[in-house]
Amino acid sequence: MSGLSQLLERLRRVRLPPGAAAGAVAVPSAGDELSGEVGLLFADLDAIKQRGELAGSAASSEAAEIEAAAMLERRRLLDEARADAERLAAELIAEGRAHCEERAQLMLADAQREAERVRAHGRERTPALVEEVIRRMLESAR
């Protein structure tokens, strides 16, 4: 029988018997040996608990470090994204301005061609109109 089995057997003997017999039967004593053996188990359990608390504390500390590093990385990524967005916005604005300037130049060239066409048309019609005005003035003067 193993040491743990023996200990469990002793502890089982310490428990009260079930039912009405519990009131009439005296509890057998396992002796001072049992408390010494149980004390060793509790000492081991205390050591395990202490190691668990240390591990939990170390894990909490490591988690806090990881969280702080993640926050720094988040901030860096946001700053990088903001800079990229500003650069892209500036490029789009520059492209838009260039497109508008090109369109304005085309419109100006169209307007200049139209103005030249109107002037040419006016130069063509001016002699006939002057002749017509003079003819009517002469007719009205008669």
Protein backbone atom coordinates (compact mmCIF):
# COMPACT_ATOMS: atom_id res chain seq x y z
CA MET A 1 0.00 0.00 0.00
CA SER A 2 1.38 3.44 -0.97
CA GLY A 3 1.99 6.27 1.50
CA LEU A 4 -0.93 8.26 0.14
CA SER A 5 -3.24 5.26 0.43
CA GLN A 6 -2.19 4.74 4.04
CA LEU A 7 -2.82 8.39 4.84
CA LEU A 8 -6.24 8.29 3.23
CA GLU A 9 -7.07 5.15 5.18
CA ARG A 10 -6.14 6.86 8.44
CA LEU A 11 -8.21 9.93 7.55
CA ARG A 12 -11.16 7.72 6.70
CA ARG A 13 -10.96 6.13 10.13
CA VAL A 14 -11.13 9.59 11.73
CA ARG A 15 -14.49 10.38 10.09
CA LEU A 16 -17.63 9.66 12.03
CA PRO A 17 -19.61 6.62 10.94
CA PRO A 18 -22.79 7.45 9.08
CA GLY A 19 -26.22 7.57 10.68
CA ALA A 20 -27.17 7.06 14.33
CA ALA A 21 -23.96 5.26 15.14
CA ALA A 22 -22.13 8.57 14.94
CA GLY A 23 -23.62 9.68 18.21
CA ALA A 24 -22.77 6.50 20.08
CA VAL A 25 -19.38 5.61 18.73
CA ALA A 26 -16.31 7.42 19.91
CA VAL A 27 -14.02 8.83 17.29
CA PRO A 28 -10.85 6.80 17.07
CA SER A 29 -7.65 8.76 17.28
CA ALA A 30 -5.07 8.32 14.58
CA GLY A 31 -2.46 9.68 16.90
CA ASP A 32 0.18 12.34 16.61
CA GLU A 33 1.71 10.62 13.58
CA LEU A 34 -1.30 11.60 11.44
CA SER A 35 -1.07 15.30 12.27
CA GLY A 36 2.65 15.22 11.46
CA GLU A 37 1.98 13.55 8.13
CA VAL A 38 -0.87 15.93 7.33
CA GLY A 39 1.33 18.86 8.38
CA LEU A 40 3.88 17.84 5.74
CA LEU A 41 1.13 17.83 3.11
CA PHE A 42 -0.02 21.28 4.15
CA ALA A 43 3.55 22.55 4.00
CA ASP A 44 3.81 21.18 0.46
CA LEU A 45 0.46 22.75 -0.40
CA ASP A 46 1.65 26.07 1.03
CA ALA A 47 4.79 25.87 -1.09
CA ILE A 48 2.70 25.05 -4.18
CA LYS A 49 0.36 27.95 -3.39
CA GLN A 50 3.32 30.31 -2.99
CA ARG A 51 4.82 29.17 -6.31
CA GLY A 52 1.40 29.66 -7.94
CA GLU A 53 1.13 33.16 -6.53
CA LEU A 54 4.64 33.97 -7.77
CA ALA A 55 3.79 32.57 -11.19
CA GLY A 56 0.56 34.60 -11.22
CA SER A 57 2.44 37.73 -10.23
CA ALA A 58 5.07 37.13 -12.90
CA ALA A 59 2.33 36.50 -15.47
CA SER A 60 0.55 39.70 -14.47
CA SER A 61 3.80 41.65 -14.76
CA GLU A 62 4.57 40.11 -18.14
CA ALA A 63 1.00 40.81 -19.29
CA ALA A 64 1.40 44.46 -18.25
CA GLU A 65 4.66 44.70 -20.22
CA ILE A 66 3.03 43.10 -23.27
CA GLU A 67 0.07 45.47 -22.96
CA ALA A 68 2.39 48.50 -22.72
CA ALA A 69 4.34 47.32 -25.77
CA ALA A 70 1.07 46.79 -27.64
CA MET A 71 -0.04 50.33 -26.78
CA LEU A 72 3.26 51.73 -28.08
CA GLU A 73 2.92 49.69 -31.27
CA ARG A 74 -0.70 50.86 -31.65
CA ARG A 75 0.40 54.48 -31.27
CA ARG A 76 3.22 53.96 -33.79
CA LEU A 77 0.85 52.35 -36.30
CA LEU A 78 -1.69 55.16 -35.87
CA ASP A 79 1.00 57.81 -36.36
CA GLU A 80 2.25 55.99 -39.45
CA ALA A 81 -1.30 55.69 -40.83
CA ARG A 82 -1.95 59.37 -40.13
CA ALA A 83 1.26 60.36 -41.96
CA ASP A 84 0.33 58.11 -44.91
CA ALA A 85 -3.16 59.62 -45.01
CA GLU A 86 -1.78 63.17 -44.98
CA ARG A 87 0.71 62.30 -47.74
CA LEU A 88 -2.03 60.70 -49.87
CA ALA A 89 -4.33 63.66 -49.29
CA ALA A 90 -1.60 66.06 -50.39
CA GLU A 91 -0.96 63.96 -53.51
CA LEU A 92 -4.68 63.89 -54.35
CA ILE A 93 -4.98 67.64 -53.84
CA ALA A 94 -1.96 68.23 -56.09
CA GLU A 95 -3.40 65.91 -58.75
CA GLY A 96 -6.77 67.68 -58.49
CA ARG A 97 -5.16 71.09 -58.86
CA ALA A 98 -3.12 69.94 -61.85
CA HIS A 99 -6.26 68.51 -63.46
CA CYS A 100 -8.17 71.76 -62.81
CA GLU A 101 -5.34 73.86 -64.21
CA GLU A 102 -5.17 71.68 -67.32
CA ARG A 103 -8.94 71.93 -67.74
CA ALA A 104 -8.78 75.72 -67.27
CA GLN A 105 -6.05 75.97 -69.92
CA LEU A 106 -8.20 73.94 -72.34
CA MET A 107 -11.23 76.13 -71.61
CA LEU A 108 -9.14 79.27 -72.13
CA ALA A 109 -7.82 77.95 -75.44
CA ASP A 110 -11.40 77.12 -76.52
CA ALA A 111 -12.55 80.62 -75.50
CA GLN A 112 -9.68 82.23 -77.38
CA ARG A 113 -10.50 80.22 -80.52
CA GLU A 114 -14.18 81.18 -80.20
CA ALA A 115 -13.26 84.85 -79.71
CA GLU A 116 -11.02 84.74 -82.78
CA ARG A 117 -13.85 83.12 -84.77
CA VAL A 118 -16.27 85.86 -83.66
CA ARG A 119 -13.74 88.60 -84.55
CA ALA A 120 -13.12 87.02 -87.95
CA HIS A 121 -16.83 86.79 -88.56
CA GLY A 122 -17.18 90.44 -87.51
CA ARG A 123 -14.35 91.49 -89.87
CA GLU A 124 -16.07 89.66 -92.69
CA ARG A 125 -19.46 91.26 -92.05
CA THR A 126 -18.27 94.77 -91.10
CA PRO A 127 -17.84 96.11 -94.68
CA ALA A 128 -21.30 94.84 -95.70
CA LEU A 129 -22.90 96.31 -92.57
CA VAL A 130 -21.15 99.67 -93.02
CA GLU A 131 -22.32 99.71 -96.61
CA GLU A 132 -25.88 98.93 -95.49
CA VAL A 133 -25.80 101.70 -92.82
CA ILE A 134 -24.48 104.25 -95.32
CA ARG A 135 -27.09 103.23 -97.90
CA ARG A 136 -29.93 103.67 -95.38
CA MET A 137 -28.58 107.00 -94.21
CA LEU A 138 -28.43 108.23 -97.76
CA GLU A 139 -31.94 107.01 -98.42
CA SER A 140 -33.30 108.70 -95.34
CA ALA A 141 -31.48 111.92 -96.20
CA ARG A 142 -33.25 112.11 -99.55
